[in-house]
Amino acid sequence: MILGVALGESPPPMVAVSDGTPFWPVPRSLARTAERAFVAVDLTEAPLAAVAAVRVGGPCPEALRPAAGSGAATIVRGGHSVTGRPLAPLDTEAVRRFAGTCGLMDFAVTATGSPMLTDHELAVAAIIAAEVPGARITLSYEFGHPGLREREVEAIRNAALGPAAGRIADEVAGELPGVPAYFARSDSGVVSAHYFRRYPLACDLGATTSLARGRTALEQLRSGGWEVPDGVVPDGVVPDGVVPDGVVPDGVVAAYGAALGRPRAYVERIVQARGRAELDRALQDARDEALTRAVSAGAAPGAATITETTVNPLSYLPDGLYRVRVTADGRPWAG
C-alpha cells in the first residue's frame, strides 16, 4: 500500500492506494505502515525567510538590483558572457565581506553567464560556506533559465522557502516515522524529502498540480466502472468519510493525485558546440546529470531513464549555441 497525503487541512486528508485504486479515510495506524508516502502541498502561503542575494556581474541601475525583499543584496564584479567569455575577475573579497557581515543564513547566488559556465557561482558558494558555516545556498544555474533576472528571482524564492520546507519535511517524518516521503512537483512528478528541502521551489504548486492529476485519474477510473467506495475496501481502511452523491473532496483528490507521481528531475543548460560530435558530447553530459538528479529526487538507482530531450538553437547569438533541456524519471525507491 502507498499513501497519498494532502497538507493544508487539519487533519490532512489521506488516501490509501492499492493497484491504482484509492480508498479513504485511512486510520493513522495503517498510514504508518505504508510502503511510501506522497505529499501534496502548495507553498504559496508559506513563510519566507530573509535571503542574502549575491549577483555576480556588472553595475546596473538601482531599479534592476536583486529583489531581496526583507533580506540583503549585493552586486560583485565577475561573471561570463553567454558564450562563456570572462567579463571580469570574480571579486572574492567583496563576496567574503558581504557573507561575513549580512547576518543571514539563506543565500541565493546568481552570476551572468552561469547557464553556460558555472565557475563563478560555485566559487561564491565555496566562499559563503567558509564564512558562514551551515549556510543554505541556492545557485541560479540549477534552474537553468538563460535570463539572469528570471534565474535570480527563482533562486531567491527557492532560498526563501528553504526553512519552511525543512519544517514541513520534519513534520511529515514525525507523523509517518520510517515511511519514505515524496513531495509532489509543480510540473508533475515527485521528489524525495531530501530534494524537497534543497529545491522547494520545484514543489511550489504541488497540491494544485496533484488536484488536477487526481481529477483526471478519478474520471478515468469512473469511466471504467469504479464508484466511490461504500464498504469494499482493504483491511483496516475505514470507509466512513464519503460525502453525499459520491462527490470526492478536493483534499482527497489531491492526495490521490500525489500518489500517482514518479520521481522526476530535469537539467537545463546553454551549451556551445562546433559540430555534431561536440553537441552529442554535451547532450550526453546533460543526460548523465539528469539521471543523477532523478536518483537524488528519489528514483531507484539504475531505474531512472531519460524521458525527454529538447535542443533549440539560440537565435541572434553566435552559431553553435543551444538551449538544452533533459528530463529524467523512474520508479520510486522505498529504501
C-alpha atoms as a PDB file:
ATOM      1  CA  MET A   1       0.000   0.000   0.000  1.00  0.00           C
ATOM      2  CA  ILE A   2       1.158   3.528  -0.806  1.00  0.00           C
ATOM      3  CA  LEU A   3      -0.219   6.634   0.831  1.00  0.00           C
ATOM      4  CA  GLY A   4      -1.288   9.978  -0.590  1.00  0.00           C
ATOM      5  CA  VAL A   5      -1.391  12.954   1.784  1.00  0.00           C
ATOM      6  CA  ALA A   6      -2.693  16.468   1.112  1.00  0.00           C
ATOM      7  CA  LEU A   7      -1.460  19.148   3.506  1.00  0.00           C
ATOM      8  CA  GLY A   8      -3.391  22.327   4.192  1.00  0.00           C
ATOM      9  CA  GLU A   9      -6.316  20.877   6.158  1.00  0.00           C
ATOM     10  CA  SER A  10      -6.485  19.586   9.712  1.00  0.00           C
ATOM     11  CA  PRO A  11      -6.355  16.660   9.816  1.00  0.00           C
ATOM     12  CA  PRO A  12      -4.781  16.295   6.374  1.00  0.00           C
ATOM     13  CA  PRO A  13      -6.736  14.014   4.014  1.00  0.00           C
ATOM     14  CA  MET A  14      -5.001  10.691   3.410  1.00  0.00           C
ATOM     15  CA  VAL A  15      -5.717   8.148   0.695  1.00  0.00           C
ATOM     16  CA  ALA A  16      -4.576   4.536   0.593  1.00  0.00           C
ATOM     17  CA  VAL A  17      -3.779   3.385  -2.948  1.00  0.00           C
ATOM     18  CA  SER A  18      -3.580  -0.274  -3.888  1.00  0.00           C
ATOM     19  CA  ASP A  19      -3.132  -1.298  -7.530  1.00  0.00           C
ATOM     20  CA  GLY A  20      -4.031   2.242  -8.566  1.00  0.00           C
ATOM     21  CA  THR A  21      -7.364   2.251  -6.711  1.00  0.00           C
ATOM     22  CA  PRO A  22      -7.932   4.816  -3.922  1.00  0.00           C
ATOM     23  CA  PHE A  23      -9.621   4.197  -0.563  1.00  0.00           C
ATOM     24  CA  TRP A  24     -10.170   6.584   2.316  1.00  0.00           C
ATOM     25  CA  PRO A  25     -10.123   7.725   5.065  1.00  0.00           C
ATOM     26  CA  VAL A  26      -7.027   5.999   6.387  1.00  0.00           C
ATOM     27  CA  PRO A  27      -6.503   5.305  10.110  1.00  0.00           C
ATOM     28  CA  ARG A  28      -3.253   6.698  11.491  1.00  0.00           C
ATOM     29  CA  SER A  29      -2.098   3.220  12.496  1.00  0.00           C
ATOM     30  CA  LEU A  30      -2.475   1.996   8.920  1.00  0.00           C
ATOM     31  CA  ALA A  31      -0.873   5.107   7.435  1.00  0.00           C
ATOM     32  CA  ARG A  32       2.296   4.399   9.388  1.00  0.00           C
ATOM     33  CA  THR A  33       2.625   1.002   7.704  1.00  0.00           C
ATOM     34  CA  ALA A  34       2.649   2.456   4.172  1.00  0.00           C
ATOM     35  CA  GLU A  35       5.392   1.427   1.788  1.00  0.00           C
ATOM     36  CA  ARG A  36       5.905   5.095   0.922  1.00  0.00           C
ATOM     37  CA  ALA A  37       4.009   8.380   1.228  1.00  0.00           C
ATOM     38  CA  PHE A  38       3.376  11.027  -1.454  1.00  0.00           C
ATOM     39  CA  VAL A  39       2.655  14.503  -0.127  1.00  0.00           C
ATOM     40  CA  ALA A  40       0.783  17.314  -1.909  1.00  0.00           C
ATOM     41  CA  VAL A  41       1.379  20.833  -0.607  1.00  0.00           C
ATOM     42  CA  ASP A  42       1.265  24.353  -2.044  1.00  0.00           C
ATOM     43  CA  LEU A  43       3.950  26.696  -0.730  1.00  0.00           C
ATOM     44  CA  THR A  44       2.329  29.924  -1.918  1.00  0.00           C
ATOM     45  CA  GLU A  45       1.368  30.888   1.651  1.00  0.00           C
ATOM     46  CA  ALA A  46       4.498  29.502   3.338  1.00  0.00           C
ATOM     47  CA  PRO A  47       6.509  31.979   5.426  1.00  0.00           C
ATOM     48  CA  LEU A  48       9.558  33.290   3.606  1.00  0.00           C
ATOM     49  CA  ALA A  49      12.995  33.562   5.190  1.00  0.00           C
ATOM     50  CA  ALA A  50      15.150  36.660   4.712  1.00  0.00           C
ATOM     51  CA  VAL A  51      17.630  35.978   1.907  1.00  0.00           C
ATOM     52  CA  ALA A  52      21.116  37.292   1.202  1.00  0.00           C
ATOM     53  CA  ALA A  53      21.254  37.700  -2.578  1.00  0.00           C
ATOM     54  CA  VAL A  54      24.586  37.847  -4.402  1.00  0.00           C
ATOM     55  CA  ARG A  55      24.672  38.836  -8.064  1.00  0.00           C
ATOM     56  CA  VAL A  56      27.928  38.392  -9.932  1.00  0.00           C
ATOM     57  CA  GLY A  57      28.043  40.810 -12.846  1.00  0.00           C
ATOM     58  CA  GLY A  58      28.440  44.405 -13.894  1.00  0.00           C
ATOM     59  CA  PRO A  59      26.873  47.587 -12.451  1.00  0.00           C
ATOM     60  CA  CYS A  60      23.172  48.173 -13.049  1.00  0.00           C
ATOM     61  CA  PRO A  61      20.506  50.828 -12.352  1.00  0.00           C
ATOM     62  CA  GLU A  62      19.056  50.786  -8.844  1.00  0.00           C
ATOM     63  CA  ALA A  63      15.699  49.547 -10.165  1.00  0.00           C
ATOM     64  CA  LEU A  64      17.367  46.427 -11.567  1.00  0.00           C
ATOM     65  CA  ARG A  65      19.225  45.410  -8.425  1.00  0.00           C
ATOM     66  CA  PRO A  66      18.430  41.991  -6.902  1.00  0.00           C
ATOM     67  CA  ALA A  67      14.958  42.000  -5.320  1.00  0.00           C
ATOM     68  CA  ALA A  68      15.775  40.522  -1.919  1.00  0.00           C
ATOM     69  CA  GLY A  69      12.799  41.972  -0.045  1.00  0.00           C
ATOM     70  CA  SER A  70      13.469  41.996   3.701  1.00  0.00           C
ATOM     71  CA  GLY A  71      16.885  40.435   3.180  1.00  0.00           C
ATOM     72  CA  ALA A  72      20.108  41.917   1.850  1.00  0.00           C
ATOM     73  CA  ALA A  73      21.632  42.132  -1.616  1.00  0.00           C
ATOM     74  CA  THR A  74      24.921  42.959  -3.267  1.00  0.00           C
ATOM     75  CA  ILE A  75      26.428  43.032  -6.736  1.00  0.00           C
ATOM     76  CA  VAL A  76      30.050  41.983  -7.100  1.00  0.00           C
ATOM     77  CA  ARG A  77      32.356  42.101 -10.089  1.00  0.00           C
ATOM     78  CA  GLY A  78      32.696  38.983 -12.220  1.00  0.00           C
ATOM     79  CA  GLY A  79      30.576  36.764 -14.466  1.00  0.00           C
ATOM     80  CA  HIS A  80      30.742  35.491 -18.026  1.00  0.00           C
ATOM     81  CA  SER A  81      29.119  36.213 -21.355  1.00  0.00           C
ATOM     82  CA  VAL A  82      26.556  33.821 -22.797  1.00  0.00           C
ATOM     83  CA  THR A  83      29.402  32.164 -24.709  1.00  0.00           C
ATOM     84  CA  GLY A  84      31.464  31.633 -21.552  1.00  0.00           C
ATOM     85  CA  ARG A  85      33.901  34.507 -22.096  1.00  0.00           C
ATOM     86  CA  PRO A  86      35.044  36.025 -18.763  1.00  0.00           C
ATOM     87  CA  LEU A  87      33.693  39.541 -18.256  1.00  0.00           C
ATOM     88  CA  ALA A  88      35.807  40.335 -15.195  1.00  0.00           C
ATOM     89  CA  PRO A  89      37.696  38.501 -12.462  1.00  0.00           C
ATOM     90  CA  LEU A  90      35.490  37.462  -9.548  1.00  0.00           C
ATOM     91  CA  ASP A  91      35.744  39.928  -6.653  1.00  0.00           C
ATOM     92  CA  THR A  92      36.237  37.322  -3.955  1.00  0.00           C
ATOM     93  CA  GLU A  93      36.951  39.859  -1.239  1.00  0.00           C
ATOM     94  CA  ALA A  94      33.603  41.598  -1.813  1.00  0.00           C
ATOM     95  CA  VAL A  95      31.833  38.242  -1.546  1.00  0.00           C
ATOM     96  CA  ARG A  96      33.696  37.447   1.663  1.00  0.00           C
ATOM     97  CA  ARG A  97      32.799  40.800   3.253  1.00  0.00           C
ATOM     98  CA  PHE A  98      29.131  40.501   2.354  1.00  0.00           C
ATOM     99  CA  ALA A  99      28.807  36.914   3.571  1.00  0.00           C
ATOM    100  CA  GLY A 100      30.530  37.700   6.838  1.00  0.00           C
ATOM    101  CA  THR A 101      28.509  40.817   7.663  1.00  0.00           C
ATOM    102  CA  CYS A 102      24.980  40.263   6.293  1.00  0.00           C
ATOM    103  CA  GLY A 103      23.925  38.214   9.318  1.00  0.00           C
ATOM    104  CA  LEU A 104      21.795  35.785   7.265  1.00  0.00           C
ATOM    105  CA  MET A 105      21.889  32.019   6.686  1.00  0.00           C
ATOM    106  CA  ASP A 106      19.942  31.658   3.421  1.00  0.00           C
ATOM    107  CA  PHE A 107      21.818  32.736   0.297  1.00  0.00           C
ATOM    108  CA  ALA A 108      20.889  32.995  -3.385  1.00  0.00           C
ATOM    109  CA  VAL A 109      23.748  33.349  -5.881  1.00  0.00           C
ATOM    110  CA  THR A 110      23.266  34.436  -9.493  1.00  0.00           C
ATOM    111  CA  ALA A 111      26.082  35.040 -11.963  1.00  0.00           C
ATOM    112  CA  THR A 112      25.850  36.318 -15.511  1.00  0.00           C
ATOM    113  CA  GLY A 113      26.512  33.510 -17.984  1.00  0.00           C
ATOM    114  CA  SER A 114      26.133  30.710 -15.423  1.00  0.00           C
ATOM    115  CA  PRO A 115      23.865  28.521 -17.628  1.00  0.00           C
ATOM    116  CA  MET A 116      26.952  28.223 -19.847  1.00  0.00           C
ATOM    117  CA  LEU A 117      29.739  28.319 -17.243  1.00  0.00           C
ATOM    118  CA  THR A 118      29.081  27.738 -13.535  1.00  0.00           C
ATOM    119  CA  ASP A 119      32.559  28.596 -12.214  1.00  0.00           C
ATOM    120  CA  HIS A 120      31.762  31.901 -10.510  1.00  0.00           C
ATOM    121  CA  GLU A 121      28.577  30.702  -8.813  1.00  0.00           C
ATOM    122  CA  LEU A 122      30.439  27.667  -7.450  1.00  0.00           C
ATOM    123  CA  ALA A 123      33.313  29.863  -6.284  1.00  0.00           C
ATOM    124  CA  VAL A 124      30.924  32.219  -4.480  1.00  0.00           C
ATOM    125  CA  ALA A 125      29.215  29.257  -2.817  1.00  0.00           C
ATOM    126  CA  ALA A 126      32.577  27.992  -1.540  1.00  0.00           C
ATOM    127  CA  ILE A 127      33.400  31.411  -0.037  1.00  0.00           C
ATOM    128  CA  ILE A 128      29.990  31.665   1.645  1.00  0.00           C
ATOM    129  CA  ALA A 129      30.276  28.160   3.076  1.00  0.00           C
ATOM    130  CA  ALA A 130      33.665  29.033   4.562  1.00  0.00           C
ATOM    131  CA  GLU A 131      32.466  32.348   6.033  1.00  0.00           C
ATOM    132  CA  VAL A 132      29.050  31.156   7.256  1.00  0.00           C
ATOM    133  CA  PRO A 133      29.154  27.534   8.468  1.00  0.00           C
ATOM    134  CA  GLY A 134      25.798  25.875   7.948  1.00  0.00           C
ATOM    135  CA  ALA A 135      24.637  28.398   5.356  1.00  0.00           C
ATOM    136  CA  ARG A 136      21.905  27.215   2.972  1.00  0.00           C
ATOM    137  CA  ILE A 137      22.938  28.211  -0.554  1.00  0.00           C
ATOM    138  CA  THR A 138      20.892  28.247  -3.767  1.00  0.00           C
ATOM    139  CA  LEU A 139      22.727  28.628  -7.081  1.00  0.00           C
ATOM    140  CA  SER A 140      20.784  30.051 -10.008  1.00  0.00           C
ATOM    141  CA  TYR A 141      22.346  27.816 -12.669  1.00  0.00           C
ATOM    142  CA  GLU A 142      20.478  24.880 -11.143  1.00  0.00           C
ATOM    143  CA  PHE A 143      17.260  26.415 -12.514  1.00  0.00           C
ATOM    144  CA  GLY A 144      18.696  26.696 -15.997  1.00  0.00           C
ATOM    145  CA  HIS A 145      16.851  29.690 -17.439  1.00  0.00           C
ATOM    146  CA  PRO A 146      19.019  31.800 -19.758  1.00  0.00           C
ATOM    147  CA  GLY A 147      17.663  35.137 -18.465  1.00  0.00           C
ATOM    148  CA  LEU A 148      19.573  36.472 -15.456  1.00  0.00           C
ATOM    149  CA  ARG A 149      16.574  38.149 -13.814  1.00  0.00           C
ATOM    150  CA  GLU A 150      14.408  35.059 -14.221  1.00  0.00           C
ATOM    151  CA  ARG A 151      17.049  32.823 -12.680  1.00  0.00           C
ATOM    152  CA  GLU A 152      17.718  35.311  -9.896  1.00  0.00           C
ATOM    153  CA  VAL A 153      14.058  35.615  -8.903  1.00  0.00           C
ATOM    154  CA  GLU A 154      13.698  31.836  -8.757  1.00  0.00           C
ATOM    155  CA  ALA A 155      16.927  31.390  -6.816  1.00  0.00           C
ATOM    156  CA  ILE A 156      15.847  33.979  -4.233  1.00  0.00           C
ATOM    157  CA  ARG A 157      12.413  32.411  -3.803  1.00  0.00           C
ATOM    158  CA  ASN A 158      13.916  28.921  -3.523  1.00  0.00           C
ATOM    159  CA  ALA A 159      16.265  30.143  -0.791  1.00  0.00           C
ATOM    160  CA  ALA A 160      13.414  31.936   0.997  1.00  0.00           C
ATOM    161  CA  LEU A 161      11.287  28.768   1.036  1.00  0.00           C
ATOM    162  CA  GLY A 162      14.069  26.570   2.415  1.00  0.00           C
ATOM    163  CA  PRO A 163      13.380  26.861   6.166  1.00  0.00           C
ATOM    164  CA  ALA A 164       9.618  26.360   5.725  1.00  0.00           C
ATOM    165  CA  ALA A 165      10.207  23.319   3.516  1.00  0.00           C
ATOM    166  CA  GLY A 166      12.521  21.886   6.163  1.00  0.00           C
ATOM    167  CA  ARG A 167       9.825  22.261   8.816  1.00  0.00           C
ATOM    168  CA  ILE A 168       7.209  20.621   6.571  1.00  0.00           C
ATOM    169  CA  ALA A 169       9.505  17.693   5.828  1.00  0.00           C
ATOM    170  CA  ASP A 170      10.247  17.304   9.552  1.00  0.00           C
ATOM    171  CA  GLU A 171       6.520  17.291  10.385  1.00  0.00           C
ATOM    172  CA  VAL A 172       5.791  14.620   7.787  1.00  0.00           C
ATOM    173  CA  ALA A 173       8.680  12.488   9.056  1.00  0.00           C
ATOM    174  CA  GLY A 174       7.393  12.853  12.619  1.00  0.00           C
ATOM    175  CA  GLU A 175       3.845  11.865  11.656  1.00  0.00           C
ATOM    176  CA  LEU A 176       4.953   8.935   9.464  1.00  0.00           C
ATOM    177  CA  PRO A 177       8.137   7.635  11.099  1.00  0.00           C
ATOM    178  CA  GLY A 178      10.108   5.281   8.911  1.00  0.00           C
ATOM    179  CA  VAL A 179       7.916   5.859   5.820  1.00  0.00           C
ATOM    180  CA  PRO A 180       9.896   7.266   2.864  1.00  0.00           C
ATOM    181  CA  ALA A 181       8.238  10.548   1.846  1.00  0.00           C
ATOM    182  CA  TYR A 182       7.998  12.135  -1.578  1.00  0.00           C
ATOM    183  CA  PHE A 183       6.638  15.591  -2.405  1.00  0.00           C
ATOM    184  CA  ALA A 184       4.603  16.479  -5.493  1.00  0.00           C
ATOM    185  CA  ARG A 185       6.261  18.771  -8.028  1.00  0.00           C
ATOM    186  CA  SER A 186       4.561  21.798  -9.588  1.00  0.00           C
ATOM    187  CA  ASP A 187       5.217  20.448 -13.089  1.00  0.00           C
ATOM    188  CA  SER A 188       4.175  16.817 -12.431  1.00  0.00           C
ATOM    189  CA  GLY A 189       6.263  14.095 -10.873  1.00  0.00           C
ATOM    190  CA  VAL A 190       7.521  13.941  -7.295  1.00  0.00           C
ATOM    191  CA  VAL A 191      10.802  14.442  -5.454  1.00  0.00           C
ATOM    192  CA  SER A 192      12.355  12.934  -2.340  1.00  0.00           C
ATOM    193  CA  ALA A 193      12.190  14.706   1.008  1.00  0.00           C
ATOM    194  CA  HIS A 194      15.916  15.442   0.689  1.00  0.00           C
ATOM    195  CA  TYR A 195      15.365  17.071  -2.719  1.00  0.00           C
ATOM    196  CA  PHE A 196      12.322  18.969  -1.407  1.00  0.00           C
ATOM    197  CA  ARG A 197      14.408  20.507   1.369  1.00  0.00           C
ATOM    198  CA  ARG A 198      17.033  21.693  -1.117  1.00  0.00           C
ATOM    199  CA  TYR A 199      14.779  22.697  -4.025  1.00  0.00           C
ATOM    200  CA  PRO A 200      11.375  23.575  -2.516  1.00  0.00           C
ATOM    201  CA  LEU A 201      10.591  25.822  -5.483  1.00  0.00           C
ATOM    202  CA  ALA A 202      10.130  22.663  -7.560  1.00  0.00           C
ATOM    203  CA  CYS A 203       7.083  21.922  -5.372  1.00  0.00           C
ATOM    204  CA  ASP A 204       5.680  25.450  -5.082  1.00  0.00           C
ATOM    205  CA  LEU A 205       2.293  24.369  -6.527  1.00  0.00           C
ATOM    206  CA  GLY A 206       2.457  20.685  -5.679  1.00  0.00           C
ATOM    207  CA  ALA A 207      -1.095  20.449  -4.316  1.00  0.00           C
ATOM    208  CA  THR A 208      -2.599  22.388  -7.244  1.00  0.00           C
ATOM    209  CA  THR A 209      -0.922  20.092  -9.754  1.00  0.00           C
ATOM    210  CA  SER A 210      -1.880  16.987  -7.759  1.00  0.00           C
ATOM    211  CA  LEU A 211      -5.515  18.097  -7.663  1.00  0.00           C
ATOM    212  CA  ALA A 212      -5.625  18.373 -11.454  1.00  0.00           C
ATOM    213  CA  ARG A 213      -3.900  14.997 -11.888  1.00  0.00           C
ATOM    214  CA  GLY A 214      -6.187  13.367  -9.334  1.00  0.00           C
ATOM    215  CA  ARG A 215      -9.326  14.655 -11.058  1.00  0.00           C
ATOM    216  CA  THR A 216      -8.185  13.242 -14.379  1.00  0.00           C
ATOM    217  CA  ALA A 217      -7.313   9.883 -12.819  1.00  0.00           C
ATOM    218  CA  LEU A 218     -10.649   9.615 -10.995  1.00  0.00           C
ATOM    219  CA  GLU A 219     -12.536  10.372 -14.202  1.00  0.00           C
ATOM    220  CA  GLN A 220     -10.633   7.570 -15.910  1.00  0.00           C
ATOM    221  CA  LEU A 221     -11.488   5.207 -13.059  1.00  0.00           C
ATOM    222  CA  ARG A 222     -15.163   6.149 -13.195  1.00  0.00           C
ATOM    223  CA  SER A 223     -15.283   5.639 -16.950  1.00  0.00           C
ATOM    224  CA  GLY A 224     -14.090   2.110 -16.266  1.00  0.00           C
ATOM    225  CA  GLY A 225     -16.903   1.451 -13.789  1.00  0.00           C
ATOM    226  CA  TRP A 226     -15.269   2.456 -10.487  1.00  0.00           C
ATOM    227  CA  GLU A 227     -17.536   4.012  -7.871  1.00  0.00           C
ATOM    228  CA  VAL A 228     -16.811   5.995  -4.717  1.00  0.00           C
ATOM    229  CA  PRO A 229     -16.112   3.327  -2.059  1.00  0.00           C
ATOM    230  CA  ASP A 230     -19.069   2.404   0.125  1.00  0.00           C
ATOM    231  CA  GLY A 231     -17.652  -0.589   2.086  1.00  0.00           C
ATOM    232  CA  VAL A 232     -15.333  -2.788  -0.474  1.00  0.00           C
ATOM    233  CA  VAL A 233     -12.000  -1.913   0.828  1.00  0.00           C
ATOM    234  CA  PRO A 234      -8.614  -3.219   2.110  1.00  0.00           C
ATOM    235  CA  ASP A 235      -8.337  -4.421   5.691  1.00  0.00           C
ATOM    236  CA  GLY A 236      -8.031  -1.574   8.152  1.00  0.00           C
ATOM    237  CA  VAL A 237      -9.357   1.178   5.857  1.00  0.00           C
ATOM    238  CA  VAL A 238     -12.491   2.747   7.302  1.00  0.00           C
ATOM    239  CA  PRO A 239     -14.899   3.944   4.550  1.00  0.00           C
ATOM    240  CA  ASP A 240     -16.922   6.376   6.641  1.00  0.00           C
ATOM    241  CA  GLY A 241     -15.765   9.648   5.106  1.00  0.00           C
ATOM    242  CA  VAL A 242     -17.619   9.576   1.803  1.00  0.00           C
ATOM    243  CA  VAL A 243     -19.702  12.700   1.191  1.00  0.00           C
ATOM    244  CA  PRO A 244     -23.207  12.613  -0.349  1.00  0.00           C
ATOM    245  CA  ASP A 245     -23.790  11.921  -4.038  1.00  0.00           C
ATOM    246  CA  GLY A 246     -20.388  10.349  -4.484  1.00  0.00           C
ATOM    247  CA  VAL A 247     -18.552  13.697  -4.524  1.00  0.00           C
ATOM    248  CA  VAL A 248     -14.883  13.282  -3.651  1.00  0.00           C
ATOM    249  CA  PRO A 249     -13.454  16.179  -1.555  1.00  0.00           C
ATOM    250  CA  ASP A 250     -10.669  18.176  -3.195  1.00  0.00           C
ATOM    251  CA  GLY A 251      -8.213  17.242  -0.437  1.00  0.00           C
ATOM    252  CA  VAL A 252      -8.788  13.565  -1.120  1.00  0.00           C
ATOM    253  CA  VAL A 253      -8.436  14.119  -4.873  1.00  0.00           C
ATOM    254  CA  ALA A 254      -5.138  15.983  -4.371  1.00  0.00           C
ATOM    255  CA  ALA A 255      -3.824  13.238  -2.085  1.00  0.00           C
ATOM    256  CA  TYR A 256      -4.698  10.642  -4.716  1.00  0.00           C
ATOM    257  CA  GLY A 257      -3.090  12.711  -7.471  1.00  0.00           C
ATOM    258  CA  ALA A 258       0.126  12.997  -5.473  1.00  0.00           C
ATOM    259  CA  ALA A 259       0.252   9.226  -5.005  1.00  0.00           C
ATOM    260  CA  LEU A 260       0.331   8.738  -8.795  1.00  0.00           C
ATOM    261  CA  GLY A 261       3.573  10.654  -9.321  1.00  0.00           C
ATOM    262  CA  ARG A 262       7.011   9.301 -10.183  1.00  0.00           C
ATOM    263  CA  PRO A 263      10.354  10.835  -9.150  1.00  0.00           C
ATOM    264  CA  ARG A 264      11.352  13.367 -11.779  1.00  0.00           C
ATOM    265  CA  ALA A 265      14.111  15.901 -12.365  1.00  0.00           C
ATOM    266  CA  TYR A 266      15.410  17.957 -15.239  1.00  0.00           C
ATOM    267  CA  VAL A 267      18.547  19.766 -16.364  1.00  0.00           C
ATOM    268  CA  GLU A 268      18.553  22.896 -18.476  1.00  0.00           C
ATOM    269  CA  ARG A 269      21.765  24.341 -19.885  1.00  0.00           C
ATOM    270  CA  ILE A 270      23.178  26.543 -22.611  1.00  0.00           C
ATOM    271  CA  VAL A 271      25.906  24.683 -24.496  1.00  0.00           C
ATOM    272  CA  GLN A 272      28.294  25.656 -27.259  1.00  0.00           C
ATOM    273  CA  ALA A 273      29.123  23.025 -29.847  1.00  0.00           C
ATOM    274  CA  ARG A 274      31.148  23.288 -33.021  1.00  0.00           C
ATOM    275  CA  GLY A 275      29.665  20.405 -34.939  1.00  0.00           C
ATOM    276  CA  ARG A 276      27.573  17.323 -34.229  1.00  0.00           C
ATOM    277  CA  ALA A 277      30.226  15.452 -32.257  1.00  0.00           C
ATOM    278  CA  GLU A 278      30.595  18.267 -29.704  1.00  0.00           C
ATOM    279  CA  LEU A 279      26.821  18.614 -29.403  1.00  0.00           C
ATOM    280  CA  ASP A 280      26.438  14.876 -28.818  1.00  0.00           C
ATOM    281  CA  ARG A 281      29.034  15.020 -26.034  1.00  0.00           C
ATOM    282  CA  ALA A 282      27.254  17.991 -24.431  1.00  0.00           C
ATOM    283  CA  LEU A 283      23.918  16.178 -24.646  1.00  0.00           C
ATOM    284  CA  GLN A 284      25.385  13.080 -23.035  1.00  0.00           C
ATOM    285  CA  ASP A 285      26.743  15.186 -20.168  1.00  0.00           C
ATOM    286  CA  ALA A 286      23.298  16.730 -19.670  1.00  0.00           C
ATOM    287  CA  ARG A 287      21.633  13.315 -19.761  1.00  0.00           C
ATOM    288  CA  ASP A 288      24.061  11.930 -17.197  1.00  0.00           C
ATOM    289  CA  GLU A 289      23.372  14.885 -14.905  1.00  0.00           C
ATOM    290  CA  ALA A 290      19.604  14.497 -15.336  1.00  0.00           C
ATOM    291  CA  LEU A 291      19.813  10.812 -14.390  1.00  0.00           C
ATOM    292  CA  THR A 292      21.857  11.703 -11.301  1.00  0.00           C
ATOM    293  CA  ARG A 293      19.302  14.324 -10.320  1.00  0.00           C
ATOM    294  CA  ALA A 294      16.434  11.866 -10.812  1.00  0.00           C
ATOM    295  CA  VAL A 295      18.092   9.489  -8.350  1.00  0.00           C
ATOM    296  CA  SER A 296      18.549  12.403  -5.928  1.00  0.00           C
ATOM    297  CA  ALA A 297      14.830  13.118  -6.423  1.00  0.00           C
ATOM    298  CA  GLY A 298      14.027   9.595  -5.249  1.00  0.00           C
ATOM    299  CA  ALA A 299      14.208   7.333  -8.302  1.00  0.00           C
ATOM    300  CA  ALA A 300      15.563   3.861  -7.629  1.00  0.00           C
ATOM    301  CA  PRO A 301      19.266   3.645  -8.613  1.00  0.00           C
ATOM    302  CA  GLY A 302      19.513   2.024 -12.025  1.00  0.00           C
ATOM    303  CA  ALA A 303      15.813   2.607 -12.738  1.00  0.00           C
ATOM    304  CA  ALA A 304      15.978   6.233 -13.907  1.00  0.00           C
ATOM    305  CA  THR A 305      15.518   6.842 -17.630  1.00  0.00           C
ATOM    306  CA  ILE A 306      15.606   9.847 -19.950  1.00  0.00           C
ATOM    307  CA  THR A 307      12.051  10.735 -20.958  1.00  0.00           C
ATOM    308  CA  GLU A 308      12.600  13.902 -22.967  1.00  0.00           C
ATOM    309  CA  THR A 309      15.447  15.790 -24.623  1.00  0.00           C
ATOM    310  CA  THR A 310      14.912  19.191 -26.218  1.00  0.00           C
ATOM    311  CA  VAL A 311      17.591  21.025 -28.200  1.00  0.00           C
ATOM    312  CA  ASN A 312      16.930  24.528 -29.547  1.00  0.00           C
ATOM    313  CA  PRO A 313      19.472  26.742 -31.350  1.00  0.00           C
ATOM    314  CA  LEU A 314      19.644  30.223 -29.824  1.00  0.00           C
ATOM    315  CA  SER A 315      18.713  32.963 -32.274  1.00  0.00           C
ATOM    316  CA  TYR A 316      20.577  36.271 -32.653  1.00  0.00           C
ATOM    317  CA  LEU A 317      23.672  34.808 -30.999  1.00  0.00           C
ATOM    318  CA  PRO A 318      26.878  33.246 -32.346  1.00  0.00           C
ATOM    319  CA  ASP A 319      26.403  29.975 -34.210  1.00  0.00           C
ATOM    320  CA  GLY A 320      26.797  26.831 -32.184  1.00  0.00           C
ATOM    321  CA  LEU A 321      24.850  27.945 -29.087  1.00  0.00           C
ATOM    322  CA  TYR A 322      21.991  25.699 -27.994  1.00  0.00           C
ATOM    323  CA  ARG A 323      19.497  25.640 -25.169  1.00  0.00           C
ATOM    324  CA  VAL A 324      19.287  22.052 -23.925  1.00  0.00           C
ATOM    325  CA  ARG A 325      16.658  20.620 -21.584  1.00  0.00           C
ATOM    326  CA  VAL A 326      16.689  16.985 -20.456  1.00  0.00           C
ATOM    327  CA  THR A 327      14.052  15.305 -18.282  1.00  0.00           C
ATOM    328  CA  ALA A 328      14.528  12.021 -16.419  1.00  0.00           C
ATOM    329  CA  ASP A 329      12.282   9.995 -14.159  1.00  0.00           C
ATOM    330  CA  GLY A 330      11.970   6.499 -12.706  1.00  0.00           C
ATOM    331  CA  ARG A 331      10.136   4.318 -10.241  1.00  0.00           C
ATOM    332  CA  PRO A 332      10.448   5.364  -6.589  1.00  0.00           C
ATOM    333  CA  TRP A 333      12.997   3.912  -4.241  1.00  0.00           C
ATOM    334  CA  ALA A 334      11.454   2.808  -0.957  1.00  0.00           C
ATOM    335  CA  GLY A 335      14.731   2.312   0.892  1.00  0.00           C
END
